[in-house]
Amino acid sequence: MILLEDLTSTAIKVLYVNEEILHLSKRFSFEYKLLPNDALIAATCKHHGINKIATFDPDFKRVDFLEIITNLS
């Protein structure tokens, strides 16, 4: 079992959700027609300045500030 402390000591960065991200996710849910979980991911990316996301979920193509990476080879 991997503990949260183990993750924070590696190259993985744990991003926490705050009230601003929750407000953004609600807006993005309507603005980009995203499901709540996808809206939360997009809002977290926006808040932390992340502009690339590796996904096969086509819904993220509607999010204008995200570059979708599908070819990981």
PDB file of N, CA and C in Angstrom:
ATOM      1  N   MET A   1       0.843  -1.179   0.000  1.00  0.00           N
ATOM      2  CA  MET A   1       0.000   0.000   0.000  1.00  0.00           C
ATOM      3  C   MET A   1       0.888   1.241   0.000  1.00  0.00           C
ATOM      4  N   ILE A   2       0.562   2.185  -0.884  1.00  0.00           N
ATOM      5  CA  ILE A   2       1.311   3.440  -0.963  1.00  0.00           C
ATOM      6  C   ILE A   2       0.608   4.483  -0.103  1.00  0.00           C
ATOM      7  N   LEU A   3       1.357   5.113   0.745  1.00  0.00           N
ATOM      8  CA  LEU A   3       0.802   6.148   1.607  1.00  0.00           C
ATOM      9  C   LEU A   3       1.015   7.514   0.989  1.00  0.00           C
ATOM     10  N   LEU A   4       0.219   8.481   1.388  1.00  0.00           N
ATOM     11  CA  LEU A   4       0.337   9.846   0.882  1.00  0.00           C
ATOM     12  C   LEU A   4       1.740  10.387   1.116  1.00  0.00           C
ATOM     13  N   GLU A   5       2.335  10.061   2.239  1.00  0.00           N
ATOM     14  CA  GLU A   5       3.696  10.525   2.534  1.00  0.00           C
ATOM     15  C   GLU A   5       4.693   9.978   1.517  1.00  0.00           C
ATOM     16  N   ASP A   6       4.469   8.749   1.056  1.00  0.00           N
ATOM     17  CA  ASP A   6       5.346   8.150   0.056  1.00  0.00           C
ATOM     18  C   ASP A   6       5.260   8.912  -1.263  1.00  0.00           C
ATOM     19  N   LEU A   7       4.065   9.341  -1.640  1.00  0.00           N
ATOM     20  CA  LEU A   7       3.876  10.059  -2.892  1.00  0.00           C
ATOM     21  C   LEU A   7       4.546  11.421  -2.876  1.00  0.00           C
ATOM     22  N   THR A   8       4.496  12.103  -1.756  1.00  0.00           N
ATOM     23  CA  THR A   8       5.053  13.452  -1.702  1.00  0.00           C
ATOM     24  C   THR A   8       6.577  13.449  -1.685  1.00  0.00           C
ATOM     25  N   SER A   9       7.199  12.314  -1.457  1.00  0.00           N
ATOM     26  CA  SER A   9       8.660  12.252  -1.448  1.00  0.00           C
ATOM     27  C   SER A   9       9.230  11.804  -2.791  1.00  0.00           C
ATOM     28  N   THR A  10       8.379  11.593  -3.792  1.00  0.00           N
ATOM     29  CA  THR A  10       8.823  11.163  -5.113  1.00  0.00           C
ATOM     30  C   THR A  10       8.611  12.283  -6.121  1.00  0.00           C
ATOM     31  N   ALA A  11       8.719  11.958  -7.389  1.00  0.00           N
ATOM     32  CA  ALA A  11       8.510  12.947  -8.454  1.00  0.00           C
ATOM     33  C   ALA A  11       7.028  13.251  -8.653  1.00  0.00           C
ATOM     34  N   ILE A  12       6.160  12.553  -7.975  1.00  0.00           N
ATOM     35  CA  ILE A  12       4.723  12.787  -8.081  1.00  0.00           C
ATOM     36  C   ILE A  12       4.346  13.937  -7.161  1.00  0.00           C
ATOM     37  N   LYS A  13       3.583  14.883  -7.691  1.00  0.00           N
ATOM     38  CA  LYS A  13       3.126  15.996  -6.877  1.00  0.00           C
ATOM     39  C   LYS A  13       1.645  15.808  -6.589  1.00  0.00           C
ATOM     40  N   VAL A  14       1.282  15.829  -5.334  1.00  0.00           N
ATOM     41  CA  VAL A  14      -0.112  15.696  -4.931  1.00  0.00           C
ATOM     42  C   VAL A  14      -0.739  17.083  -4.947  1.00  0.00           C
ATOM     43  N   LEU A  15      -1.831  17.231  -5.723  1.00  0.00           N
ATOM     44  CA  LEU A  15      -2.523  18.513  -5.832  1.00  0.00           C
ATOM     45  C   LEU A  15      -3.802  18.448  -5.011  1.00  0.00           C
ATOM     46  N   TYR A  16      -3.969  19.406  -4.144  1.00  0.00           N
ATOM     47  CA  TYR A  16      -5.139  19.432  -3.287  1.00  0.00           C
ATOM     48  C   TYR A  16      -6.210  20.334  -3.882  1.00  0.00           C
ATOM     49  N   VAL A  17      -7.450  20.014  -3.618  1.00  0.00           N
ATOM     50  CA  VAL A  17      -8.580  20.790  -4.110  1.00  0.00           C
ATOM     51  C   VAL A  17      -8.958  21.819  -3.049  1.00  0.00           C
ATOM     52  N   ASN A  18      -9.086  23.073  -3.498  1.00  0.00           N
ATOM     53  CA  ASN A  18      -9.528  24.112  -2.575  1.00  0.00           C
ATOM     54  C   ASN A  18     -10.838  24.710  -3.079  1.00  0.00           C
ATOM     55  N   GLU A  19     -11.335  25.703  -2.376  1.00  0.00           N
ATOM     56  CA  GLU A  19     -12.632  26.285  -2.723  1.00  0.00           C
ATOM     57  C   GLU A  19     -12.619  26.950  -4.103  1.00  0.00           C
ATOM     58  N   GLU A  20     -11.524  27.579  -4.475  1.00  0.00           N
ATOM     59  CA  GLU A  20     -11.422  28.204  -5.797  1.00  0.00           C
ATOM     60  C   GLU A  20     -11.557  27.160  -6.907  1.00  0.00           C
ATOM     61  N   ILE A  21     -10.912  26.015  -6.730  1.00  0.00           N
ATOM     62  CA  ILE A  21     -10.990  24.940  -7.714  1.00  0.00           C
ATOM     63  C   ILE A  21     -12.420  24.411  -7.801  1.00  0.00           C
ATOM     64  N   LEU A  22     -13.096  24.289  -6.679  1.00  0.00           N
ATOM     65  CA  LEU A  22     -14.486  23.821  -6.691  1.00  0.00           C
ATOM     66  C   LEU A  22     -15.387  24.777  -7.461  1.00  0.00           C
ATOM     67  N   HIS A  23     -15.178  26.090  -7.275  1.00  0.00           N
ATOM     68  CA  HIS A  23     -15.962  27.081  -8.022  1.00  0.00           C
ATOM     69  C   HIS A  23     -15.655  27.005  -9.515  1.00  0.00           C
ATOM     70  N   LEU A  24     -14.373  26.868  -9.853  1.00  0.00           N
ATOM     71  CA  LEU A  24     -13.994  26.729 -11.254  1.00  0.00           C
ATOM     72  C   LEU A  24     -14.617  25.477 -11.866  1.00  0.00           C
ATOM     73  N   SER A  25     -14.626  24.385 -11.131  1.00  0.00           N
ATOM     74  CA  SER A  25     -15.157  23.136 -11.675  1.00  0.00           C
ATOM     75  C   SER A  25     -16.646  23.254 -11.970  1.00  0.00           C
ATOM     76  N   LYS A  26     -17.362  23.967 -11.130  1.00  0.00           N
ATOM     77  CA  LYS A  26     -18.788  24.177 -11.386  1.00  0.00           C
ATOM     78  C   LYS A  26     -18.971  24.980 -12.674  1.00  0.00           C
ATOM     79  N   ARG A  27     -18.171  26.027 -12.836  1.00  0.00           N
ATOM     80  CA  ARG A  27     -18.245  26.843 -14.053  1.00  0.00           C
ATOM     81  C   ARG A  27     -17.884  26.023 -15.290  1.00  0.00           C
ATOM     82  N   PHE A  28     -16.795  25.237 -15.183  1.00  0.00           N
ATOM     83  CA  PHE A  28     -16.332  24.437 -16.317  1.00  0.00           C
ATOM     84  C   PHE A  28     -17.319  23.344 -16.690  1.00  0.00           C
ATOM     85  N   SER A  29     -18.057  22.846 -15.724  1.00  0.00           N
ATOM     86  CA  SER A  29     -19.054  21.823 -15.991  1.00  0.00           C
ATOM     87  C   SER A  29     -20.081  22.338 -16.997  1.00  0.00           C
ATOM     88  N   PHE A  30     -20.490  23.588 -16.816  1.00  0.00           N
ATOM     89  CA  PHE A  30     -21.459  24.198 -17.741  1.00  0.00           C
ATOM     90  C   PHE A  30     -20.783  24.733 -19.002  1.00  0.00           C
ATOM     91  N   GLU A  31     -19.666  25.429 -18.821  1.00  0.00           N
ATOM     92  CA  GLU A  31     -18.986  26.093 -19.942  1.00  0.00           C
ATOM     93  C   GLU A  31     -18.492  25.099 -20.990  1.00  0.00           C
ATOM     94  N   TYR A  32     -17.916  23.994 -20.550  1.00  0.00           N
ATOM     95  CA  TYR A  32     -17.339  23.006 -21.470  1.00  0.00           C
ATOM     96  C   TYR A  32     -18.176  21.730 -21.568  1.00  0.00           C
ATOM     97  N   LYS A  33     -19.335  21.724 -20.908  1.00  0.00           N
ATOM     98  CA  LYS A  33     -20.236  20.559 -20.908  1.00  0.00           C
ATOM     99  C   LYS A  33     -19.510  19.294 -20.454  1.00  0.00           C
ATOM    100  N   LEU A  34     -18.881  19.386 -19.284  1.00  0.00           N
ATOM    101  CA  LEU A  34     -18.118  18.278 -18.715  1.00  0.00           C
ATOM    102  C   LEU A  34     -18.877  17.632 -17.570  1.00  0.00           C
ATOM    103  N   LEU A  35     -18.640  16.349 -17.396  1.00  0.00           N
ATOM    104  CA  LEU A  35     -19.129  15.661 -16.213  1.00  0.00           C
ATOM    105  C   LEU A  35     -18.405  16.227 -14.993  1.00  0.00           C
ATOM    106  N   PRO A  36     -18.985  16.123 -13.804  1.00  0.00           N
ATOM    107  CA  PRO A  36     -18.372  16.733 -12.616  1.00  0.00           C
ATOM    108  C   PRO A  36     -16.914  16.334 -12.377  1.00  0.00           C
ATOM    109  N   ASN A  37     -16.584  15.063 -12.541  1.00  0.00           N
ATOM    110  CA  ASN A  37     -15.202  14.638 -12.300  1.00  0.00           C
ATOM    111  C   ASN A  37     -14.240  15.245 -13.328  1.00  0.00           C
ATOM    112  N   ASP A  38     -14.657  15.285 -14.590  1.00  0.00           N
ATOM    113  CA  ASP A  38     -13.820  15.894 -15.632  1.00  0.00           C
ATOM    114  C   ASP A  38     -13.673  17.394 -15.395  1.00  0.00           C
ATOM    115  N   ALA A  39     -14.750  18.039 -14.962  1.00  0.00           N
ATOM    116  CA  ALA A  39     -14.690  19.474 -14.660  1.00  0.00           C
ATOM    117  C   ALA A  39     -13.722  19.743 -13.512  1.00  0.00           C
ATOM    118  N   LEU A  40     -13.702  18.861 -12.525  1.00  0.00           N
ATOM    119  CA  LEU A  40     -12.776  19.009 -11.405  1.00  0.00           C
ATOM    120  C   LEU A  40     -11.326  18.853 -11.868  1.00  0.00           C
ATOM    121  N   ILE A  41     -11.080  17.916 -12.755  1.00  0.00           N
ATOM    122  CA  ILE A  41      -9.731  17.729 -13.314  1.00  0.00           C
ATOM    123  C   ILE A  41      -9.313  18.969 -14.098  1.00  0.00           C
ATOM    124  N   ALA A  42     -10.199  19.477 -14.954  1.00  0.00           N
ATOM    125  CA  ALA A  42      -9.886  20.667 -15.743  1.00  0.00           C
ATOM    126  C   ALA A  42      -9.644  21.875 -14.844  1.00  0.00           C
ATOM    127  N   ALA A  43     -10.457  22.048 -13.828  1.00  0.00           N
ATOM    128  CA  ALA A  43     -10.301  23.174 -12.901  1.00  0.00           C
ATOM    129  C   ALA A  43      -8.992  23.079 -12.124  1.00  0.00           C
ATOM    130  N   THR A  44      -8.632  21.878 -11.718  1.00  0.00           N
ATOM    131  CA  THR A  44      -7.371  21.677 -11.010  1.00  0.00           C
ATOM    132  C   THR A  44      -6.195  22.014 -11.919  1.00  0.00           C
ATOM    133  N   CYS A  45      -6.274  21.598 -13.171  1.00  0.00           N
ATOM    134  CA  CYS A  45      -5.228  21.938 -14.143  1.00  0.00           C
ATOM    135  C   CYS A  45      -5.116  23.444 -14.304  1.00  0.00           C
ATOM    136  N   LYS A  46      -6.243  24.118 -14.497  1.00  0.00           N
ATOM    137  CA  LYS A  46      -6.248  25.566 -14.692  1.00  0.00           C
ATOM    138  C   LYS A  46      -5.645  26.270 -13.484  1.00  0.00           C
ATOM    139  N   HIS A  47      -6.063  25.894 -12.309  1.00  0.00           N
ATOM    140  CA  HIS A  47      -5.597  26.524 -11.067  1.00  0.00           C
ATOM    141  C   HIS A  47      -4.080  26.385 -10.884  1.00  0.00           C
ATOM    142  N   HIS A  48      -3.544  25.236 -11.266  1.00  0.00           N
ATOM    143  CA  HIS A  48      -2.116  24.969 -11.061  1.00  0.00           C
ATOM    144  C   HIS A  48      -1.271  25.251 -12.305  1.00  0.00           C
ATOM    145  N   GLY A  49      -1.866  25.844 -13.335  1.00  0.00           N
ATOM    146  CA  GLY A  49      -1.115  26.224 -14.533  1.00  0.00           C
ATOM    147  C   GLY A  49      -0.705  25.051 -15.404  1.00  0.00           C
ATOM    148  N   ILE A  50      -1.432  23.965 -15.322  1.00  0.00           N
ATOM    149  CA  ILE A  50      -1.147  22.782 -16.143  1.00  0.00           C
ATOM    150  C   ILE A  50      -1.897  22.943 -17.462  1.00  0.00           C
ATOM    151  N   ASN A  51      -1.182  22.839 -18.582  1.00  0.00           N
ATOM    152  CA  ASN A  51      -1.837  23.049 -19.871  1.00  0.00           C
ATOM    153  C   ASN A  51      -1.773  21.833 -20.797  1.00  0.00           C
ATOM    154  N   LYS A  52      -1.247  20.716 -20.310  1.00  0.00           N
ATOM    155  CA  LYS A  52      -1.212  19.474 -21.080  1.00  0.00           C
ATOM    156  C   LYS A  52      -1.756  18.352 -20.214  1.00  0.00           C
ATOM    157  N   ILE A  53      -2.528  17.461 -20.876  1.00  0.00           N
ATOM    158  CA  ILE A  53      -3.096  16.336 -20.138  1.00  0.00           C
ATOM    159  C   ILE A  53      -3.051  15.095 -21.033  1.00  0.00           C
ATOM    160  N   ALA A  54      -2.605  13.996 -20.475  1.00  0.00           N
ATOM    161  CA  ALA A  54      -2.577  12.721 -21.201  1.00  0.00           C
ATOM    162  C   ALA A  54      -3.883  11.990 -20.912  1.00  0.00           C
ATOM    163  N   THR A  55      -4.702  11.837 -21.950  1.00  0.00           N
ATOM    164  CA  THR A  55      -6.003  11.197 -21.774  1.00  0.00           C
ATOM    165  C   THR A  55      -6.526  10.686 -23.103  1.00  0.00           C
ATOM    166  N   PHE A  56      -7.385   9.695 -23.026  1.00  0.00           N
ATOM    167  CA  PHE A  56      -8.108   9.229 -24.194  1.00  0.00           C
ATOM    168  C   PHE A  56      -9.569   9.694 -24.135  1.00  0.00           C
ATOM    169  N   ASP A  57      -9.901  10.507 -23.151  1.00  0.00           N
ATOM    170  CA  ASP A  57     -11.254  11.016 -22.978  1.00  0.00           C
ATOM    171  C   ASP A  57     -11.473  12.188 -23.939  1.00  0.00           C
ATOM    172  N   PRO A  58     -12.323  12.014 -24.944  1.00  0.00           N
ATOM    173  CA  PRO A  58     -12.512  13.073 -25.945  1.00  0.00           C
ATOM    174  C   PRO A  58     -13.181  14.332 -25.398  1.00  0.00           C
ATOM    175  N   ASP A  59     -13.809  14.250 -24.236  1.00  0.00           N
ATOM    176  CA  ASP A  59     -14.480  15.419 -23.664  1.00  0.00           C
ATOM    177  C   ASP A  59     -13.506  16.565 -23.377  1.00  0.00           C
ATOM    178  N   PHE A  60     -12.263  16.232 -23.075  1.00  0.00           N
ATOM    179  CA  PHE A  60     -11.286  17.273 -22.756  1.00  0.00           C
ATOM    180  C   PHE A  60     -10.887  18.095 -23.987  1.00  0.00           C
ATOM    181  N   LYS A  61     -11.229  17.620 -25.187  1.00  0.00           N
ATOM    182  CA  LYS A  61     -10.941  18.394 -26.404  1.00  0.00           C
ATOM    183  C   LYS A  61     -11.738  19.699 -26.431  1.00  0.00           C
ATOM    184  N   ARG A  62     -12.813  19.764 -25.680  1.00  0.00           N
ATOM    185  CA  ARG A  62     -13.632  20.976 -25.613  1.00  0.00           C
ATOM    186  C   ARG A  62     -13.019  22.045 -24.710  1.00  0.00           C
ATOM    187  N   VAL A  63     -12.035  21.673 -23.924  1.00  0.00           N
ATOM    188  CA  VAL A  63     -11.421  22.612 -22.975  1.00  0.00           C
ATOM    189  C   VAL A  63     -10.297  23.338 -23.701  1.00  0.00           C
ATOM    190  N   ASP A  64     -10.507  24.618 -23.990  1.00  0.00           N
ATOM    191  CA  ASP A  64      -9.598  25.358 -24.867  1.00  0.00           C
ATOM    192  C   ASP A  64      -8.201  25.599 -24.303  1.00  0.00           C
ATOM    193  N   PHE A  65      -8.017  25.529 -23.005  1.00  0.00           N
ATOM    194  CA  PHE A  65      -6.694  25.794 -22.435  1.00  0.00           C
ATOM    195  C   PHE A  65      -5.873  24.520 -22.222  1.00  0.00           C
ATOM    196  N   LEU A  66      -6.436  23.344 -22.562  1.00  0.00           N
ATOM    197  CA  LEU A  66      -5.709  22.089 -22.387  1.00  0.00           C
ATOM    198  C   LEU A  66      -5.267  21.520 -23.734  1.00  0.00           C
ATOM    199  N   GLU A  67      -4.018  21.106 -23.805  1.00  0.00           N
ATOM    200  CA  GLU A  67      -3.510  20.370 -24.950  1.00  0.00           C
ATOM    201  C   GLU A  67      -3.599  18.893 -24.607  1.00  0.00           C
ATOM    202  N   ILE A  68      -4.255  18.127 -25.469  1.00  0.00           N
ATOM    203  CA  ILE A  68      -4.471  16.712 -25.219  1.00  0.00           C
ATOM    204  C   ILE A  68      -3.322  15.898 -25.808  1.00  0.00           C
ATOM    205  N   ILE A  69      -2.736  15.025 -24.990  1.00  0.00           N
ATOM    206  CA  ILE A  69      -1.684  14.128 -25.441  1.00  0.00           C
ATOM    207  C   ILE A  69      -2.272  12.716 -25.426  1.00  0.00           C
ATOM    208  N   THR A  70      -2.325  12.092 -26.596  1.00  0.00           N
ATOM    209  CA  THR A  70      -2.867  10.729 -26.676  1.00  0.00           C
ATOM    210  C   THR A  70      -1.832   9.713 -27.098  1.00  0.00           C
ATOM    211  N   ASN A  71      -0.771  10.158 -27.729  1.00  0.00           N
ATOM    212  CA  ASN A  71       0.284   9.261 -28.180  1.00  0.00           C
ATOM    213  C   ASN A  71       1.430   9.299 -27.165  1.00  0.00           C
ATOM    214  N   LEU A  72       1.530   8.271 -26.366  1.00  0.00           N
ATOM    215  CA  LEU A  72       2.534   8.261 -25.297  1.00  0.00           C
ATOM    216  C   LEU A  72       3.777   7.476 -25.672  1.00  0.00           C
ATOM    217  N   SER A  73       3.915   7.076 -26.927  1.00  0.00           N
ATOM    218  CA  SER A  73       5.096   6.297 -27.319  1.00  0.00           C
ATOM    219  C   SER A  73       6.224   7.189 -27.783  1.00  0.00           C
TER     220      SER A  73
END
